[in-house]
Amino acid sequence: MVNSAVRPRTEIAIDEALIRRLLDTQFPEASALPVGAHIEGRDSAVWRLGDDWAVRLPRHQSAAAKQETEISWLPRIGTGWPFAAPVPVRVGRPSADFPWAWTVVPWIEGIPSHVSALDRLGVAQLGAALRALHTPAPAEAPRHTTRSLALLQRSDRVAERIRALATASAGLPWRLDADAAARVFQQGATTPRPGPAWTHLDLHPGNVLTNDGELAGIIDWSESAAGDPAADLGQALVLVGQDGWDALMIGYGTIDARTFSRARAEGVYYSLTFTAETTGPRARAGWAGLEALGVAHRTR
C-alpha cells in the first residue's frame, strides 16, 4: 500500500513504539508480527504489519471524524468486491495511548497511478470496480458535506473557482477556457440524477494503486459516502483522460447521456479542486483533467 508524497499534518506523534503498544494491549494475537515500513498521508499514517496487514491511524481530529464509512460500512459493503480495498479486519478503540479509533486492514501492494499509470486493462478493471461499488445506499448511509450534494448546490463554489483559476493561470503552462468550463458544468448540473449509491468520491491518483499497469487496489475511503455514481465516473475521467474513457466503459458498462453529462460536470468540479493546490501531482492531475474535458489547453 503506497500513497502519494504529501506534507502531512499531525496532532499526535505516531511511531513504532505506539503501534506496538496499541497492538499488544488490544490485539495481542498480532504480537508476533513485525511492524515494518510506514507511509504518511494527509490524514492517516499507515504502518505495515507482517506481510499481509497494515495498521491505519488518523493523524488529526478531522481525519478521525471521517472514519464512519471505513469503520462502520466497508466491512458490510466491501465483501465480494472484485478489487482490493483496505476493509478493516480489526477496529482499535480509543485509549490513553491514542485518542481515536484505528484499524488493522489488508496490506495492498501497489504504486500510485501518477507514478505508474493504469494500462488499458487496468482502466477497464477500474471501471469494473466502480460498477461493483455503485450499489444503492440506504437512507442512513453517510453523506459527504459537498460531494454528495447535487451539482446545482455547488454552482456558486464552481463559478468562484473558475473565476479564480482563470486569473491565476497567467504565467502557467495551461490556459482555462472559463466559458467552456462553466458550460460543461451547467449542462450536467441541470440533468436529473438517480437515487444515492455508494461512491468513493476521492479517486485522485494517490488513491488508485497499480501493479504492472493493472489495478492493484483503491485506498482511502474516508470521503466515501452516498452520492451520484457520476461523481466517481467524472473523477475517473480526470484520472485516465479522454483516451481512457472507452476502456473505462468496457469495465463499467453502458451509461446514458444524462449520466455522461453529469460525469463531465463532476470532472470539472473535481479538477478545479485539484488546481487550487497550484503545484504538485494533484495540481497536474487537475489541469490534465480539464484538458481531457476540453476546457483547458497547454500553452507550452
Protein backbone atom coordinates (compact mmCIF):
# COMPACT_ATOMS: atom_id res chain seq x y z
CA MET A 1 0.00 0.00 0.00
CA VAL A 2 1.62 3.19 -1.16
CA ASN A 3 0.26 6.73 -1.24
CA SER A 4 1.49 9.89 -2.88
CA ALA A 5 4.11 12.04 -1.20
CA VAL A 6 2.40 14.82 0.73
CA ARG A 7 3.21 17.04 3.64
CA PRO A 8 1.06 15.62 6.45
CA ARG A 9 -0.14 17.49 9.47
CA THR A 10 -0.45 15.69 12.78
CA GLU A 11 -1.81 16.27 16.24
CA ILE A 12 -0.41 13.04 17.69
CA ALA A 13 3.13 11.67 17.48
CA ILE A 14 2.86 8.25 15.82
CA ASP A 15 5.87 5.95 15.95
CA GLU A 16 6.66 2.26 16.01
CA ALA A 17 6.57 2.15 19.81
CA LEU A 18 2.99 3.47 19.79
CA ILE A 19 1.93 0.91 17.17
CA ARG A 20 3.46 -1.87 19.26
CA ARG A 21 1.70 -0.72 22.44
CA LEU A 22 -1.66 -0.49 20.73
CA LEU A 23 -1.35 -3.95 19.22
CA ASP A 24 -0.01 -5.57 22.39
CA THR A 25 -2.80 -4.16 24.56
CA GLN A 26 -5.75 -4.54 22.17
CA PHE A 27 -4.82 -7.29 19.69
CA PRO A 28 -2.21 -9.49 21.40
CA GLU A 29 -2.74 -12.14 18.71
CA ALA A 30 -0.65 -9.83 16.47
CA SER A 31 2.24 -9.58 18.92
CA ALA A 32 4.45 -11.93 16.88
CA LEU A 33 4.05 -9.89 13.68
CA PRO A 34 6.81 -7.35 12.96
CA VAL A 35 5.96 -3.68 12.49
CA GLY A 36 7.52 -2.54 9.22
CA ALA A 37 7.78 0.48 6.96
CA HIS A 38 5.24 3.28 7.15
CA ILE A 39 3.60 5.82 4.85
CA GLU A 40 2.41 9.23 6.00
CA GLY A 41 -0.62 10.55 4.14
CA ARG A 42 -2.51 13.79 4.50
CA ASP A 43 -4.92 12.36 7.02
CA SER A 44 -3.54 8.98 8.09
CA ALA A 45 -0.37 7.11 8.94
CA VAL A 46 -0.14 3.52 7.67
CA TRP A 47 2.33 1.05 9.19
CA ARG A 48 2.93 -2.36 7.67
CA LEU A 49 2.22 -5.30 9.97
CA GLY A 50 3.83 -8.56 8.92
CA ASP A 51 3.47 -9.46 5.25
CA ASP A 52 -0.29 -9.21 4.87
CA TRP A 53 -1.62 -6.45 7.12
CA ALA A 54 -1.30 -2.76 7.93
CA VAL A 55 -2.22 -0.54 10.86
CA ARG A 56 -4.01 2.67 9.83
CA LEU A 57 -4.28 5.59 12.25
CA PRO A 58 -5.79 9.06 11.75
CA ARG A 59 -3.27 11.87 12.19
CA HIS A 60 -5.68 14.53 13.47
CA GLN A 61 -9.20 15.04 14.79
CA SER A 62 -10.81 15.95 11.47
CA ALA A 63 -9.43 12.76 9.92
CA ALA A 64 -10.70 10.71 12.85
CA ALA A 65 -14.14 12.19 12.36
CA LYS A 66 -14.25 10.97 8.74
CA GLN A 67 -13.87 7.26 9.53
CA GLU A 68 -17.56 6.34 9.54
CA THR A 69 -17.63 4.70 6.12
CA GLU A 70 -14.32 2.89 6.63
CA ILE A 71 -15.17 1.50 10.06
CA SER A 72 -18.95 1.13 10.02
CA TRP A 73 -19.74 0.39 6.40
CA LEU A 74 -16.79 -1.05 4.45
CA PRO A 75 -16.94 -4.41 6.25
CA ARG A 76 -20.58 -4.65 5.15
CA ILE A 77 -20.43 -3.35 1.58
CA GLY A 78 -16.90 -4.49 0.65
CA THR A 79 -17.50 -8.23 0.80
CA GLY A 80 -17.02 -9.79 -2.63
CA TRP A 81 -15.65 -6.72 -4.38
CA PRO A 82 -13.56 -7.68 -7.46
CA PHE A 83 -10.76 -5.35 -6.34
CA ALA A 84 -8.57 -4.88 -3.29
CA ALA A 85 -9.56 -2.32 -0.65
CA PRO A 86 -8.43 -1.72 2.94
CA VAL A 87 -11.53 -3.21 4.54
CA PRO A 88 -10.93 -3.28 8.33
CA VAL A 89 -10.42 -6.68 9.93
CA ARG A 90 -9.95 -5.19 13.41
CA VAL A 91 -11.01 -1.86 14.89
CA GLY A 92 -8.97 -0.46 17.75
CA ARG A 93 -10.71 1.59 20.40
CA PRO A 94 -9.60 4.99 21.73
CA SER A 95 -7.33 4.72 24.74
CA ALA A 96 -4.87 6.61 26.89
CA ASP A 97 -2.23 5.87 24.25
CA PHE A 98 -4.25 7.09 21.28
CA PRO A 99 -7.47 9.16 21.44
CA TRP A 100 -9.25 7.91 18.29
CA ALA A 101 -10.38 4.68 16.71
CA TRP A 102 -7.85 2.98 14.42
CA THR A 103 -7.89 -0.08 12.19
CA VAL A 104 -6.00 -3.14 11.04
CA VAL A 105 -6.51 -3.58 7.29
CA PRO A 106 -5.10 -5.74 4.49
CA TRP A 107 -1.79 -4.53 3.07
CA ILE A 108 -2.20 -3.65 -0.62
CA GLU A 109 0.97 -3.81 -2.66
CA GLY A 110 0.88 -1.16 -5.35
CA ILE A 111 2.15 2.10 -6.77
CA PRO A 112 0.18 5.37 -7.03
CA SER A 113 -1.21 5.78 -10.52
CA HIS A 114 0.50 9.13 -11.02
CA VAL A 115 3.82 7.26 -10.65
CA SER A 116 2.85 4.19 -12.69
CA ALA A 117 -0.26 4.70 -14.80
CA LEU A 118 -3.01 2.19 -15.41
CA ASP A 119 -2.80 0.49 -18.78
CA ARG A 120 -5.89 -0.26 -20.86
CA LEU A 121 -6.65 -3.43 -18.90
CA GLY A 122 -6.14 -1.59 -15.62
CA VAL A 123 -8.55 1.17 -16.69
CA ALA A 124 -11.17 -1.46 -17.57
CA GLN A 125 -10.57 -3.05 -14.15
CA LEU A 126 -11.18 0.35 -12.55
CA GLY A 127 -14.48 0.58 -14.44
CA ALA A 128 -15.49 -2.86 -13.18
CA ALA A 129 -14.52 -1.85 -9.64
CA LEU A 130 -16.75 1.23 -9.80
CA ARG A 131 -19.65 -0.80 -11.18
CA ALA A 132 -19.33 -3.20 -8.23
CA LEU A 133 -19.19 -0.27 -5.79
CA HIS A 134 -22.19 1.63 -7.18
CA THR A 135 -24.96 -0.21 -5.36
CA PRO A 136 -27.93 1.55 -3.74
CA ALA A 137 -27.07 3.30 -0.46
CA PRO A 138 -29.56 3.16 2.40
CA ALA A 139 -31.09 6.25 3.94
CA GLU A 140 -28.76 6.03 6.95
CA ALA A 141 -25.58 5.99 4.84
CA PRO A 142 -23.22 8.91 5.45
CA ARG A 143 -23.30 11.95 3.17
CA HIS A 144 -20.26 13.96 2.11
CA THR A 145 -20.61 17.62 3.07
CA THR A 146 -20.05 18.79 -0.51
CA ARG A 147 -19.59 15.90 -2.97
CA SER A 148 -22.87 14.22 -2.07
CA LEU A 149 -24.73 17.44 -2.86
CA ALA A 150 -26.49 17.90 -6.17
CA LEU A 151 -24.34 19.74 -8.70
CA LEU A 152 -26.65 22.75 -8.67
CA GLN A 153 -25.97 23.15 -4.94
CA ARG A 154 -22.28 23.56 -5.79
CA SER A 155 -22.77 26.07 -8.61
CA ASP A 156 -21.64 29.15 -6.69
CA ARG A 157 -18.49 27.38 -5.50
CA VAL A 158 -17.66 26.26 -9.03
CA ALA A 159 -18.24 29.71 -10.52
CA GLU A 160 -15.91 31.21 -7.93
CA ARG A 161 -13.21 28.62 -8.64
CA ILE A 162 -13.48 29.17 -12.39
CA ARG A 163 -13.03 32.91 -11.95
CA ALA A 164 -10.08 32.43 -9.60
CA LEU A 165 -8.36 29.90 -11.85
CA ALA A 166 -8.84 31.98 -14.99
CA THR A 167 -6.97 34.78 -13.22
CA ALA A 168 -4.35 32.60 -11.51
CA SER A 169 -3.36 30.71 -14.66
CA ALA A 170 -1.41 33.68 -16.02
CA GLY A 171 2.20 32.52 -16.29
CA LEU A 172 1.30 28.83 -16.04
CA PRO A 173 1.74 26.36 -18.92
CA TRP A 174 -2.05 25.99 -19.08
CA ARG A 175 -4.97 28.16 -20.05
CA LEU A 176 -8.53 27.68 -18.85
CA ASP A 177 -11.48 28.31 -21.16
CA ALA A 178 -13.70 29.69 -18.41
CA ASP A 179 -16.83 29.87 -20.57
CA ALA A 180 -16.44 26.26 -21.70
CA ALA A 181 -15.83 25.04 -18.14
CA ALA A 182 -18.95 26.86 -16.92
CA ARG A 183 -20.98 25.46 -19.81
CA VAL A 184 -19.92 21.84 -19.19
CA PHE A 185 -20.70 22.18 -15.50
CA GLN A 186 -24.08 23.81 -16.08
CA GLN A 187 -25.15 21.16 -18.60
CA GLY A 188 -24.52 18.42 -16.05
CA ALA A 189 -25.94 20.39 -13.14
CA THR A 190 -29.33 20.73 -14.84
CA THR A 191 -29.57 17.00 -15.57
CA PRO A 192 -31.63 14.88 -13.12
CA ARG A 193 -29.68 12.35 -11.11
CA PRO A 194 -30.73 8.94 -9.71
CA GLY A 195 -31.14 7.90 -6.11
CA PRO A 196 -27.97 7.76 -3.99
CA ALA A 197 -25.47 4.96 -4.44
CA TRP A 198 -22.27 4.07 -2.61
CA THR A 199 -19.43 6.14 -4.07
CA HIS A 200 -15.73 6.61 -3.30
CA LEU A 201 -15.66 10.35 -4.06
CA ASP A 202 -11.88 10.78 -3.92
CA LEU A 203 -10.35 8.91 -6.86
CA HIS A 204 -7.21 11.01 -7.07
CA PRO A 205 -4.04 9.34 -8.42
CA GLY A 206 -2.65 8.57 -4.97
CA ASN A 207 -5.73 6.56 -4.05
CA VAL A 208 -5.74 4.33 -7.15
CA LEU A 209 -2.86 1.86 -6.97
CA THR A 210 -1.31 -0.04 -9.86
CA ASN A 211 0.80 -3.15 -10.32
CA ASP A 212 2.40 -3.58 -13.76
CA GLY A 213 -0.34 -1.41 -15.24
CA GLU A 214 -3.22 -3.35 -13.70
CA LEU A 215 -5.44 -2.11 -10.89
CA ALA A 216 -3.84 -3.14 -7.58
CA GLY A 217 -6.48 -1.58 -5.35
CA ILE A 218 -8.39 1.52 -4.29
CA ILE A 219 -7.48 3.01 -0.92
CA ASP A 220 -8.50 5.83 1.44
CA TRP A 221 -12.27 5.56 1.81
CA SER A 222 -12.58 8.39 4.34
CA GLU A 223 -14.52 10.57 1.87
CA SER A 224 -16.75 7.73 0.69
CA ALA A 225 -20.47 8.27 1.10
CA ALA A 226 -23.84 8.07 -0.59
CA GLY A 227 -23.72 10.06 -3.80
CA ASP A 228 -24.16 10.12 -7.55
CA PRO A 229 -22.19 7.42 -9.43
CA ALA A 230 -21.42 10.14 -11.98
CA ALA A 231 -19.16 11.74 -9.36
CA ASP A 232 -16.85 8.72 -9.40
CA LEU A 233 -17.06 8.46 -13.18
CA GLY A 234 -16.10 12.11 -13.56
CA GLN A 235 -13.19 11.65 -11.18
CA ALA A 236 -12.15 8.54 -13.11
CA LEU A 237 -12.22 10.56 -16.34
CA VAL A 238 -9.85 13.06 -14.73
CA LEU A 239 -7.64 10.13 -13.71
CA VAL A 240 -7.48 8.23 -17.02
CA GLY A 241 -8.00 11.03 -19.54
CA GLN A 242 -10.23 11.14 -22.60
CA ASP A 243 -8.20 8.36 -24.26
CA GLY A 244 -9.05 6.03 -21.38
CA TRP A 245 -12.80 6.59 -21.39
CA ASP A 246 -13.63 3.74 -23.79
CA ALA A 247 -11.64 1.25 -21.69
CA LEU A 248 -13.33 2.55 -18.53
CA MET A 249 -16.73 1.93 -20.10
CA ILE A 250 -15.69 -1.58 -21.18
CA GLY A 251 -15.30 -2.38 -17.49
CA TYR A 252 -18.19 -0.30 -16.19
CA GLY A 253 -20.81 -0.92 -18.83
CA THR A 254 -23.02 1.41 -20.84
CA ILE A 255 -24.19 4.67 -19.31
CA ASP A 256 -26.84 7.04 -20.65
CA ALA A 257 -26.30 10.55 -21.95
CA ARG A 258 -27.54 12.14 -18.71
CA THR A 259 -25.02 10.24 -16.62
CA PHE A 260 -22.24 11.19 -19.05
CA SER A 261 -23.24 14.85 -18.83
CA ARG A 262 -23.18 14.76 -15.02
CA ALA A 263 -19.87 12.87 -15.08
CA ARG A 264 -18.29 15.64 -17.17
CA ALA A 265 -19.63 18.26 -14.76
CA GLU A 266 -18.29 16.29 -11.79
CA GLY A 267 -14.95 16.06 -13.60
CA VAL A 268 -14.83 19.85 -13.89
CA TYR A 269 -15.67 20.21 -10.21
CA TYR A 270 -13.02 17.71 -9.11
CA SER A 271 -10.35 19.12 -11.42
CA LEU A 272 -10.95 22.61 -10.06
CA THR A 273 -10.45 21.22 -6.56
CA PHE A 274 -7.01 19.95 -7.58
CA THR A 275 -5.88 23.02 -9.48
CA ALA A 276 -6.50 25.11 -6.37
CA GLU A 277 -3.32 23.49 -4.98
CA THR A 278 -1.24 25.19 -7.76
CA THR A 279 1.67 22.71 -7.65
CA GLY A 280 2.34 19.00 -7.18
CA PRO A 281 0.82 15.84 -8.68
CA ARG A 282 -2.74 16.73 -7.75
CA ALA A 283 -2.48 20.12 -9.46
CA ARG A 284 -1.05 18.48 -12.57
CA ALA A 285 -3.87 15.90 -12.49
CA GLY A 286 -6.41 18.72 -12.23
CA TRP A 287 -5.10 20.54 -15.29
CA ALA A 288 -4.84 17.27 -17.21
CA GLY A 289 -8.45 16.59 -16.28
CA LEU A 290 -9.60 20.00 -17.51
CA GLU A 291 -7.71 19.36 -20.74
CA ALA A 292 -9.37 15.93 -21.11
CA LEU A 293 -12.73 17.62 -20.65
CA GLY A 294 -11.90 20.10 -23.43
CA VAL A 295 -11.99 23.19 -21.22
CA ALA A 296 -8.24 23.86 -20.93
CA HIS A 297 -5.17 23.56 -23.11
CA ARG A 298 -1.41 23.69 -22.77
CA THR A 299 0.39 26.85 -23.80
CA ARG A 300 3.87 25.32 -23.63
